Amino acid sequence: MIVMKFGGTSVGDAARVHQVATIIETQPNPRAAVVSAASGVTNMLLDAARAAAVDGAELVAKLVAGIRARHHDIAAAIGDDQERAAAVAALDQLHAALVDALSDVDCAGELSPRNADRIVATGEKAMSILLAAILRSRGVPAVHVWADRVIATDNRYGNARPDRALTRELAAQEVRPHLNAGQTVVFTGFIGRAPDGSTTTLGRGGSDYSATLLGAALDADEVQIWTDVPGVLSADPRQVPDVRVVSGISYDEAQELAHFGAKVLHPRTIRPAVSLGIPVRILSTFLPDEPGTLVTRDAPEESVKAVTALNNLLLLTIDVPELEDLAAASAAVFGALHGDRIEVVAASQASSRRRMTYVVDATGHGGCARVKQRMAAALEAADVDAEVGCEEDVALVAAVGAGVAAAPQTLSQFLSVLGRAGVPVLSTNQQHSNVALTVAVLGRDATRAVLALHDAFIRPQPASSRSRRPRRSDMLAESLRVG
């Protein structure tokens, strides 16, 4: 059983949707394809929803017409006349429901999270209709299934959390019968259903998350994330010219890479697969014969797999003169950060135990001036005498790989490399059991740090024809071995 997910760039126009259909046809049954909205459509839907809330009728009409045109352009490429007519009819119903939802927003004079999710789901629903029709027109038995009948969530609209046990029950009812009948199921990514049956969305990385949730619910042999990059890269290609594709990484390494800024998988995406040991493969829709990156429970080797940087951070320091005040100071700081929804990316404590250092993502929170003010007020309220320091435009640079942090020589080599590159280190973080070694540097030095570390720890390996695996039988055989 294979679950494939295709992102917005993979289904951006008719030619690309047909390319996706070709990829699906190469996979063995049973199989399911999870689709995003066509690239750009989600933003158009959100713009229309916001315009409807402020009585922007003209803009709403223009955006709805544009959305309808995008979908009908893809429908026009459906080869079978009956399938094309049926798809257009289904799209017309979907677009009519969109107009009704936008009218509700107009009448309310505001855009509620519930209505926003109802509206934005239109893109995924339309693409599921289109891809299923294109598959059938090519002689492939297929059916579309909307995730707001299967992915059970709570009612936190915009960032709903799934109920995996109930999702498993619903998948058995709504999806499994189609698979057993030999049909390819085309499933909507990004969306789910609240307890009252209304549509929710899963937030950032939601379509990838949908794929692993469905894969876990169906006990898939493999989940494939088809995107516009050929796999997990050893660095950001905008910073490092000679990056390579990492052939295999562990779940822990993948989550660390995502946490530190790699834009392939959101950390929560692979959690459903982790629990069942389902391998996740990252592939390129535009280079379908490349092997991509296989993410499994265990690391294939202990080495640095990738170097990455997370930018636009603050370095917050709390100096506590009295040792007995440390616990109270920590509680006050973490409470204030949580209250302001500021994410702590890394934390460390000086050997004297009197200085605590936090690297935080305070984007949109007013920078150091605002954060220092909040920390000072929280410490004063806790009756703690402490000095608060803050540095803006900080980057956290990470070398990710199993066993890296445990190797005694790695930290010294890491710091030596940065020293030779002329990169001052603001703070370091090393834990024996971790799969990442991190340092905080000034933002202006981040690219230089990544380049230096990549040159030192990762040797570019030119691709050869022998390194590429056949796209079908060998790939599935490997999935079954590791699954």
Protein backbone atom coordinates (compact mmCIF):
# COMPACT_ATOMS: atom_id res chain seq x y z
CA MET A 1 0.00 0.00 0.00
CA ILE A 2 1.49 3.33 -1.16
CA VAL A 3 0.30 6.82 -0.19
CA MET A 4 1.62 9.60 -2.45
CA LYS A 5 1.33 13.32 -1.75
CA PHE A 6 1.62 15.96 -4.49
CA GLY A 7 2.12 19.62 -3.62
CA GLY A 8 0.76 22.73 -5.29
CA THR A 9 3.63 23.18 -7.75
CA SER A 10 3.23 19.54 -8.82
CA VAL A 11 -0.41 20.18 -9.84
CA GLY A 12 -0.05 23.80 -10.94
CA ASP A 13 -1.52 23.36 -14.44
CA ALA A 14 -2.98 20.74 -16.76
CA ALA A 15 0.38 19.47 -18.03
CA ARG A 16 1.65 18.95 -14.51
CA VAL A 17 -1.53 17.18 -13.39
CA HIS A 18 -1.10 14.76 -16.31
CA GLN A 19 2.53 14.28 -15.25
CA VAL A 20 1.29 13.41 -11.75
CA ALA A 21 -1.15 10.92 -13.28
CA THR A 22 1.77 9.26 -15.09
CA ILE A 23 3.67 8.93 -11.80
CA ILE A 24 0.63 7.45 -10.06
CA GLU A 25 0.21 4.88 -12.82
CA THR A 26 3.74 3.55 -12.16
CA GLN A 27 2.95 2.67 -8.55
CA PRO A 28 1.50 -0.71 -7.58
CA ASN A 29 -2.02 -1.05 -6.20
CA PRO A 30 -3.43 -0.42 -3.67
CA ARG A 31 -2.51 3.27 -3.78
CA ALA A 32 -3.81 6.65 -2.71
CA ALA A 33 -2.79 10.13 -3.88
CA VAL A 34 -3.08 13.13 -1.55
CA VAL A 35 -3.30 16.46 -3.40
CA SER A 36 -2.82 20.11 -2.56
CA ALA A 37 -4.58 22.98 -4.28
CA ALA A 38 -3.02 24.19 -7.53
CA SER A 39 -0.20 26.63 -6.76
CA GLY A 40 -1.53 30.10 -6.00
CA VAL A 41 -5.18 29.06 -5.56
CA THR A 42 -5.06 28.94 -1.75
CA ASN A 43 -3.81 32.54 -1.63
CA MET A 44 -6.56 33.61 -4.04
CA LEU A 45 -9.16 31.94 -1.82
CA LEU A 46 -7.82 33.66 1.29
CA ASP A 47 -7.73 37.02 -0.50
CA ALA A 48 -11.35 36.53 -1.59
CA ALA A 49 -12.39 35.63 1.96
CA ARG A 50 -10.69 38.72 3.41
CA ALA A 51 -12.20 40.94 0.73
CA ALA A 52 -15.67 39.57 1.44
CA ALA A 53 -15.28 40.56 5.09
CA VAL A 54 -14.77 44.24 4.15
CA ASP A 55 -17.46 44.47 1.48
CA GLY A 56 -14.99 44.17 -1.40
CA ALA A 57 -17.55 42.72 -3.81
CA GLU A 58 -15.67 43.70 -6.96
CA LEU A 59 -12.42 42.08 -5.82
CA VAL A 60 -14.29 38.98 -4.61
CA ALA A 61 -15.94 38.55 -8.03
CA LYS A 62 -12.58 38.98 -9.81
CA LEU A 63 -10.85 36.42 -7.58
CA VAL A 64 -13.66 33.87 -7.85
CA ALA A 65 -13.56 34.21 -11.64
CA GLY A 66 -9.80 33.65 -11.57
CA ILE A 67 -10.16 30.55 -9.38
CA ARG A 68 -12.88 29.16 -11.64
CA ALA A 69 -10.71 29.79 -14.71
CA ARG A 70 -7.72 27.95 -13.17
CA HIS A 71 -9.86 24.90 -12.50
CA HIS A 72 -11.63 24.94 -15.85
CA ASP A 73 -8.30 25.23 -17.71
CA ILE A 74 -7.21 21.96 -16.10
CA ALA A 75 -10.61 20.38 -16.74
CA ALA A 76 -10.29 21.23 -20.43
CA ALA A 77 -7.35 18.80 -20.63
CA ILE A 78 -9.47 15.82 -19.56
CA GLY A 79 -9.42 13.58 -22.63
CA ASP A 80 -12.73 11.75 -22.20
CA ASP A 81 -15.81 13.86 -23.03
CA GLN A 82 -18.03 12.27 -20.36
CA GLU A 83 -15.39 12.56 -17.67
CA ARG A 84 -14.74 16.17 -18.61
CA ALA A 85 -18.46 17.05 -18.47
CA ALA A 86 -18.88 15.32 -15.10
CA ALA A 87 -15.83 17.10 -13.68
CA VAL A 88 -17.05 20.50 -14.86
CA ALA A 89 -20.44 19.86 -13.27
CA ALA A 90 -18.81 18.91 -9.98
CA LEU A 91 -16.59 21.98 -10.12
CA ASP A 92 -19.58 24.22 -10.78
CA GLN A 93 -21.25 22.88 -7.63
CA LEU A 94 -18.07 23.46 -5.66
CA HIS A 95 -17.70 27.00 -6.95
CA ALA A 96 -21.36 27.72 -6.12
CA ALA A 97 -20.69 26.56 -2.55
CA LEU A 98 -17.68 28.89 -2.48
CA VAL A 99 -19.84 31.85 -3.52
CA ASP A 100 -22.34 30.96 -0.77
CA ALA A 101 -19.54 30.82 1.83
CA LEU A 102 -18.18 34.19 0.71
CA SER A 103 -21.70 35.62 0.91
CA ASP A 104 -21.93 34.39 4.50
CA VAL A 105 -18.70 36.23 5.30
CA ASP A 106 -20.03 39.37 3.64
CA CYS A 107 -23.23 39.23 5.69
CA ALA A 108 -21.30 38.65 8.93
CA GLY A 109 -18.89 41.50 8.18
CA GLU A 110 -15.99 39.42 9.47
CA LEU A 111 -14.00 36.35 8.55
CA SER A 112 -14.23 33.72 11.27
CA PRO A 113 -11.64 30.92 11.43
CA ARG A 114 -14.44 28.44 10.78
CA ASN A 115 -15.50 30.19 7.55
CA ALA A 116 -11.88 30.66 6.50
CA ASP A 117 -11.32 26.89 6.65
CA ARG A 118 -14.57 26.22 4.80
CA ILE A 119 -13.49 28.57 2.01
CA VAL A 120 -9.83 27.62 1.70
CA ALA A 121 -10.67 23.90 1.42
CA THR A 122 -12.13 24.62 -2.04
CA GLY A 123 -8.70 24.39 -3.69
CA GLU A 124 -7.92 20.86 -2.48
CA LYS A 125 -11.45 19.65 -3.19
CA ALA A 126 -11.31 20.94 -6.78
CA MET A 127 -7.94 19.30 -7.41
CA SER A 128 -9.17 15.93 -6.11
CA ILE A 129 -12.09 16.08 -8.56
CA LEU A 130 -9.79 16.98 -11.44
CA LEU A 131 -7.05 14.42 -10.81
CA ALA A 132 -9.54 11.57 -10.31
CA ALA A 133 -11.28 12.49 -13.59
CA ILE A 134 -7.95 12.67 -15.46
CA LEU A 135 -6.96 9.25 -14.13
CA ARG A 136 -10.29 7.74 -15.21
CA SER A 137 -9.95 9.34 -18.65
CA ARG A 138 -6.60 7.54 -18.93
CA GLY A 139 -8.22 4.20 -18.12
CA VAL A 140 -7.27 4.11 -14.42
CA PRO A 141 -10.16 3.34 -12.00
CA ALA A 142 -10.16 6.25 -9.56
CA VAL A 143 -12.40 8.04 -7.08
CA HIS A 144 -11.98 11.26 -5.12
CA VAL A 145 -12.52 11.28 -1.34
CA TRP A 146 -12.62 14.49 0.67
CA ALA A 147 -10.64 14.46 3.90
CA ASP A 148 -13.40 16.22 5.85
CA ARG A 149 -15.07 12.80 5.83
CA VAL A 150 -11.97 10.97 7.08
CA ILE A 151 -9.36 13.02 8.98
CA ALA A 152 -11.01 13.56 12.38
CA THR A 153 -9.77 16.65 14.25
CA ASP A 154 -10.70 18.95 17.10
CA ASN A 155 -12.32 22.34 16.37
CA ARG A 156 -9.20 24.50 16.40
CA TYR A 157 -9.91 25.99 12.98
CA GLY A 158 -6.79 26.97 11.07
CA ASN A 159 -4.52 24.62 13.01
CA ALA A 160 -6.62 21.61 13.96
CA ARG A 161 -5.16 18.61 15.76
CA PRO A 162 -6.08 15.15 14.52
CA ASP A 163 -7.74 12.32 16.39
CA ARG A 164 -5.74 9.41 14.99
CA ALA A 165 -7.87 6.63 16.51
CA LEU A 166 -11.09 7.99 15.01
CA THR A 167 -9.30 8.76 11.73
CA ARG A 168 -8.33 5.09 11.52
CA GLU A 169 -11.98 4.05 11.94
CA LEU A 170 -13.18 6.54 9.33
CA ALA A 171 -10.46 5.51 6.86
CA ALA A 172 -11.64 1.90 7.17
CA GLN A 173 -15.17 3.04 6.32
CA GLU A 174 -14.54 5.69 3.67
CA VAL A 175 -11.26 4.73 1.97
CA ARG A 176 -10.51 1.04 2.41
CA PRO A 177 -13.53 -0.21 0.36
CA HIS A 178 -12.35 1.79 -2.68
CA LEU A 179 -8.83 0.40 -2.37
CA ASN A 180 -10.17 -3.13 -2.03
CA ALA A 181 -12.16 -2.57 -5.23
CA GLY A 182 -8.95 -1.71 -7.10
CA GLN A 183 -9.58 2.03 -7.31
CA THR A 184 -6.93 4.69 -6.88
CA VAL A 185 -8.16 7.04 -4.15
CA VAL A 186 -7.49 10.75 -4.74
CA PHE A 187 -7.59 12.38 -1.32
CA THR A 188 -7.64 16.02 -0.29
CA GLY A 189 -4.66 17.21 1.71
CA PHE A 190 -4.65 19.98 4.33
CA ILE A 191 -8.24 19.56 5.55
CA GLY A 192 -10.11 17.56 8.16
CA ARG A 193 -13.42 17.41 10.01
CA ALA A 194 -14.33 18.89 13.39
CA PRO A 195 -16.53 16.91 15.83
CA ASP A 196 -19.61 18.70 14.45
CA GLY A 197 -18.73 17.71 10.87
CA SER A 198 -17.52 21.15 9.75
CA THR A 199 -14.33 21.51 7.72
CA THR A 200 -11.04 22.28 9.46
CA THR A 201 -7.50 22.81 8.18
CA LEU A 202 -4.31 21.35 9.62
CA GLY A 203 -2.10 24.42 9.39
CA ARG A 204 1.49 24.63 8.17
CA GLY A 205 2.62 21.48 6.38
CA GLY A 206 -0.97 20.26 6.42
CA SER A 207 -0.94 18.37 3.12
CA ASP A 208 2.19 16.41 4.03
CA TYR A 209 0.62 15.75 7.42
CA SER A 210 -2.55 14.47 5.74
CA ALA A 211 -0.47 11.97 3.79
CA THR A 212 1.22 10.50 6.85
CA LEU A 213 -2.04 10.48 8.81
CA LEU A 214 -3.72 8.56 5.98
CA GLY A 215 -0.70 6.28 5.62
CA ALA A 216 -0.78 5.44 9.32
CA ALA A 217 -4.56 4.89 9.25
CA LEU A 218 -4.20 2.46 6.33
CA ASP A 219 -0.97 0.75 7.54
CA ALA A 220 0.81 1.85 4.37
CA ASP A 221 4.10 0.28 3.28
CA GLU A 222 5.44 3.70 2.33
CA VAL A 223 4.41 7.36 2.23
CA GLN A 224 5.86 9.37 -0.65
CA ILE A 225 6.08 13.17 -0.54
CA TRP A 226 6.36 14.37 -4.16
CA THR A 227 7.54 17.96 -4.29
CA ASP A 228 9.66 20.36 -6.36
CA VAL A 229 13.02 19.32 -4.86
CA PRO A 230 14.76 15.96 -5.40
CA GLY A 231 14.88 15.11 -1.68
CA VAL A 232 16.46 16.41 1.52
CA LEU A 233 19.45 18.55 0.55
CA SER A 234 22.70 18.82 2.47
CA ALA A 235 22.24 22.61 2.72
CA ASP A 236 20.18 25.45 1.30
CA PRO A 237 21.21 25.67 -2.40
CA ARG A 238 20.87 29.45 -2.18
CA GLN A 239 23.76 29.42 0.31
CA VAL A 240 25.83 26.45 -0.87
CA PRO A 241 26.39 25.85 -4.60
CA ASP A 242 27.48 22.19 -4.37
CA VAL A 243 24.73 20.69 -2.24
CA ARG A 244 23.81 17.04 -2.67
CA VAL A 245 20.75 14.96 -1.99
CA VAL A 246 20.92 13.03 1.27
CA SER A 247 19.97 9.46 0.37
CA GLY A 248 18.76 8.41 3.79
CA ILE A 249 18.05 9.95 7.18
CA SER A 250 16.33 8.92 10.38
CA TYR A 251 13.06 10.29 11.71
CA ASP A 252 14.98 12.18 14.41
CA GLU A 253 17.34 13.72 11.87
CA ALA A 254 14.44 14.77 9.65
CA GLN A 255 12.67 16.45 12.55
CA GLU A 256 15.84 18.28 13.59
CA LEU A 257 16.42 19.50 10.03
CA ALA A 258 12.86 20.79 9.82
CA HIS A 259 13.17 22.46 13.22
CA PHE A 260 16.35 24.25 12.14
CA GLY A 261 14.91 25.63 8.93
CA ALA A 262 15.07 22.97 6.19
CA LYS A 263 11.97 23.49 4.06
CA VAL A 264 11.12 19.91 3.15
CA LEU A 265 9.15 18.40 6.03
CA HIS A 266 7.34 20.04 8.91
CA PRO A 267 8.38 18.36 12.20
CA ARG A 268 4.92 16.99 12.96
CA THR A 269 4.51 15.62 9.43
CA ILE A 270 6.34 12.38 10.10
CA ARG A 271 5.02 11.65 13.62
CA PRO A 272 2.20 9.37 12.45
CA ALA A 273 4.71 7.38 10.39
CA VAL A 274 7.19 7.19 13.29
CA SER A 275 4.72 5.39 15.54
CA LEU A 276 4.23 2.57 13.01
CA GLY A 277 7.69 2.48 11.46
CA ILE A 278 6.38 3.51 8.04
CA PRO A 279 9.16 4.85 5.78
CA VAL A 280 8.63 8.29 4.24
CA ARG A 281 10.28 9.00 0.87
CA ILE A 282 10.80 12.53 -0.48
CA LEU A 283 10.80 12.72 -4.28
CA SER A 284 10.68 15.26 -7.10
CA THR A 285 7.72 15.40 -9.45
CA PHE A 286 10.02 16.97 -12.04
CA LEU A 287 12.78 14.33 -11.69
CA PRO A 288 10.67 11.22 -11.10
CA ASP A 289 13.48 8.76 -11.85
CA GLU A 290 15.70 10.08 -9.04
CA PRO A 291 15.71 7.98 -5.84
CA GLY A 292 15.09 10.91 -3.48
CA THR A 293 15.54 10.67 0.29
CA LEU A 294 14.25 7.79 2.39
CA VAL A 295 13.31 8.66 5.98
CA THR A 296 13.28 5.66 8.32
CA ARG A 297 13.30 4.95 12.05
CA ASP A 298 17.06 4.33 12.26
CA ALA A 299 19.86 6.40 10.77
CA PRO A 300 21.67 4.66 7.90
CA GLU A 301 25.02 5.95 9.19
CA GLU A 302 26.50 8.19 11.89
CA SER A 303 27.70 11.29 10.10
CA VAL A 304 26.77 14.90 9.41
CA LYS A 305 23.98 14.73 6.83
CA ALA A 306 23.21 18.42 6.42
CA VAL A 307 24.04 21.91 7.63
CA THR A 308 21.31 24.48 7.96
CA ALA A 309 20.59 27.88 9.49
CA LEU A 310 17.52 29.37 11.14
CA ASN A 311 17.56 33.15 10.79
CA ASN A 312 15.86 36.24 12.27
CA LEU A 313 16.17 35.10 15.88
CA LEU A 314 16.91 36.90 19.17
CA LEU A 315 19.58 35.87 21.69
CA LEU A 316 18.16 36.52 25.15
CA THR A 317 20.41 36.36 28.24
CA ILE A 318 19.26 36.39 31.87
CA ASP A 319 21.97 37.01 34.51
CA VAL A 320 20.85 36.06 38.03
CA PRO A 321 23.22 37.17 40.83
CA GLU A 322 21.71 34.91 43.49
CA LEU A 323 21.86 31.16 42.85
CA GLU A 324 18.69 30.50 44.84
CA ASP A 325 16.74 32.74 42.41
CA LEU A 326 17.53 30.59 39.34
CA ALA A 327 14.41 28.41 39.48
CA ALA A 328 12.11 31.38 39.98
CA ALA A 329 13.84 33.27 37.17
CA SER A 330 13.50 30.32 34.79
CA ALA A 331 9.81 29.95 35.61
CA ALA A 332 9.18 33.66 35.08
CA VAL A 333 11.04 33.74 31.74
CA PHE A 334 9.38 30.64 30.31
CA GLY A 335 5.98 31.84 31.52
CA ALA A 336 6.39 35.20 29.81
CA LEU A 337 7.65 33.63 26.58
CA HIS A 338 4.73 31.19 26.57
CA GLY A 339 2.27 33.99 27.29
CA ASP A 340 3.52 35.90 24.26
CA ARG A 341 3.63 32.73 22.10
CA ILE A 342 7.37 33.18 21.55
CA GLU A 343 9.05 29.93 20.53
CA VAL A 344 12.23 28.91 22.35
CA VAL A 345 14.49 27.46 19.64
CA ALA A 346 17.43 26.62 21.94
CA ALA A 347 18.33 27.13 25.59
CA SER A 348 21.53 26.72 27.62
CA GLN A 349 22.97 27.59 30.98
CA ALA A 350 26.47 28.82 31.87
CA SER A 351 28.72 26.60 33.97
CA SER A 352 28.32 29.04 36.85
CA ARG A 353 24.56 28.38 36.53
CA ARG A 354 23.93 32.11 36.94
CA ARG A 355 23.50 32.98 33.24
CA MET A 356 20.71 31.48 31.16
CA THR A 357 20.73 31.91 27.38
CA TYR A 358 17.68 31.51 25.14
CA VAL A 359 17.60 31.67 21.36
CA VAL A 360 14.03 32.63 20.54
CA ASP A 361 11.88 33.26 17.50
CA ALA A 362 10.27 36.58 18.32
CA THR A 363 9.18 37.50 14.78
CA GLY A 364 6.33 39.99 15.03
CA HIS A 365 6.89 40.63 18.74
CA GLY A 366 8.64 44.00 18.55
CA GLY A 367 12.25 42.87 18.69
CA CYS A 368 14.58 43.18 21.66
CA ALA A 369 12.97 46.32 23.05
CA ARG A 370 9.61 44.62 23.51
CA VAL A 371 10.99 41.27 24.66
CA LYS A 372 13.34 42.84 27.23
CA GLN A 373 10.47 44.88 28.59
CA ARG A 374 8.30 41.77 28.98
CA MET A 375 11.12 39.79 30.64
CA ALA A 376 11.93 42.59 33.07
CA ALA A 377 8.26 42.89 34.07
CA ALA A 378 7.95 39.11 34.54
CA LEU A 379 11.10 38.94 36.68
CA GLU A 380 10.00 41.88 38.78
CA ALA A 381 6.61 40.25 39.35
CA ALA A 382 8.44 37.10 40.51
CA ASP A 383 10.57 39.25 42.88
CA VAL A 384 13.78 38.20 41.13
CA ASP A 385 16.74 40.53 40.73
CA ALA A 386 18.18 39.78 37.28
CA GLU A 387 19.77 41.57 34.36
CA VAL A 388 18.25 41.03 30.91
CA GLY A 389 20.33 41.21 27.73
CA CYS A 390 19.24 40.82 24.14
CA GLU A 391 20.91 40.57 20.72
CA GLU A 392 18.93 40.97 17.50
CA ASP A 393 19.50 39.44 14.05
CA VAL A 394 20.89 36.14 15.33
CA ALA A 395 21.01 32.85 13.42
CA LEU A 396 21.15 29.33 14.79
CA VAL A 397 23.44 27.17 12.65
CA ALA A 398 23.07 23.40 13.01
CA ALA A 399 25.02 20.38 11.81
CA VAL A 400 22.56 17.49 11.80
CA GLY A 401 23.45 13.80 11.88
CA ALA A 402 23.15 10.79 14.15
CA GLY A 403 26.08 10.47 16.54
CA VAL A 404 27.39 13.93 15.73
CA ALA A 405 26.81 15.50 19.13
CA ALA A 406 28.14 12.41 20.95
CA ALA A 407 31.52 12.37 19.18
CA PRO A 408 34.00 14.13 21.49
CA GLN A 409 36.06 15.62 18.66
CA THR A 410 33.10 17.06 16.73
CA LEU A 411 32.55 20.18 18.84
CA SER A 412 36.20 21.19 18.73
CA GLN A 413 36.31 20.60 14.96
CA PHE A 414 33.03 22.49 14.58
CA LEU A 415 34.37 25.53 16.45
CA SER A 416 37.74 25.34 14.69
CA VAL A 417 36.04 25.46 11.29
CA LEU A 418 34.06 28.54 12.31
CA GLY A 419 37.16 30.15 13.78
CA ARG A 420 39.10 29.71 10.54
CA ALA A 421 36.13 31.19 8.66
CA GLY A 422 36.16 34.24 10.94
CA VAL A 423 32.70 33.57 12.38
CA PRO A 424 32.29 34.63 16.05
CA VAL A 425 30.20 32.18 18.09
CA LEU A 426 27.66 33.71 20.49
CA SER A 427 26.62 30.45 22.18
CA THR A 428 26.81 26.68 21.69
CA ASN A 429 24.56 23.74 22.51
CA GLN A 430 25.65 20.09 22.64
CA GLN A 431 23.78 17.12 24.11
CA HIS A 432 25.18 13.58 24.02
CA SER A 433 21.96 11.96 22.80
CA ASN A 434 21.00 14.65 20.31
CA VAL A 435 21.42 14.43 16.54
CA ALA A 436 22.32 18.10 16.09
CA LEU A 437 25.17 20.34 17.12
CA THR A 438 24.18 24.01 17.15
CA VAL A 439 25.79 27.42 17.53
CA ALA A 440 24.29 30.88 17.58
CA VAL A 441 26.01 33.41 15.32
CA LEU A 442 25.25 36.88 14.05
CA GLY A 443 22.80 36.82 11.17
CA ARG A 444 25.30 38.43 8.82
CA ASP A 445 27.68 35.50 9.40
CA ALA A 446 25.15 32.69 8.88
CA THR A 447 25.83 32.00 5.19
CA ARG A 448 29.59 32.02 5.74
CA ALA A 449 29.17 29.60 8.64
CA VAL A 450 27.00 27.20 6.63
CA LEU A 451 29.44 27.24 3.71
CA ALA A 452 32.43 26.55 5.94
CA LEU A 453 30.75 23.72 7.84
CA HIS A 454 29.40 22.13 4.67
CA ASP A 455 32.89 22.16 3.12
CA ALA A 456 34.39 20.61 6.25
CA PHE A 457 31.83 17.93 7.09
CA ILE A 458 30.08 17.03 3.84
CA ARG A 459 31.92 15.94 0.75
CA PRO A 460 29.96 16.39 -2.50
CA GLN A 461 29.33 13.04 -4.12
CA PRO A 462 28.71 13.22 -7.90
CA ALA A 463 25.71 11.22 -9.02
CA SER A 464 26.29 8.20 -11.21
CA SER A 465 23.95 6.04 -13.16
CA ARG A 466 24.65 3.20 -10.73
CA SER A 467 23.37 5.27 -7.80
CA ARG A 468 19.90 5.61 -9.28
CA ARG A 469 17.26 3.01 -8.53
CA PRO A 470 14.46 2.01 -10.88
CA ARG A 471 11.37 3.96 -9.99
CA ARG A 472 8.96 1.04 -9.38
CA SER A 473 9.89 -2.48 -8.39
CA ASP A 474 13.18 -1.74 -6.62
CA MET A 475 11.69 1.19 -4.71
CA LEU A 476 8.73 -0.82 -3.44
CA ALA A 477 10.98 -3.76 -2.54
CA GLU A 478 13.15 -1.44 -0.44
CA SER A 479 10.04 -0.05 1.26
CA LEU A 480 8.90 -3.53 2.24
CA ARG A 481 12.34 -4.38 3.61
CA VAL A 482 12.54 -1.35 5.88
CA GLY A 483 8.82 -1.35 6.74
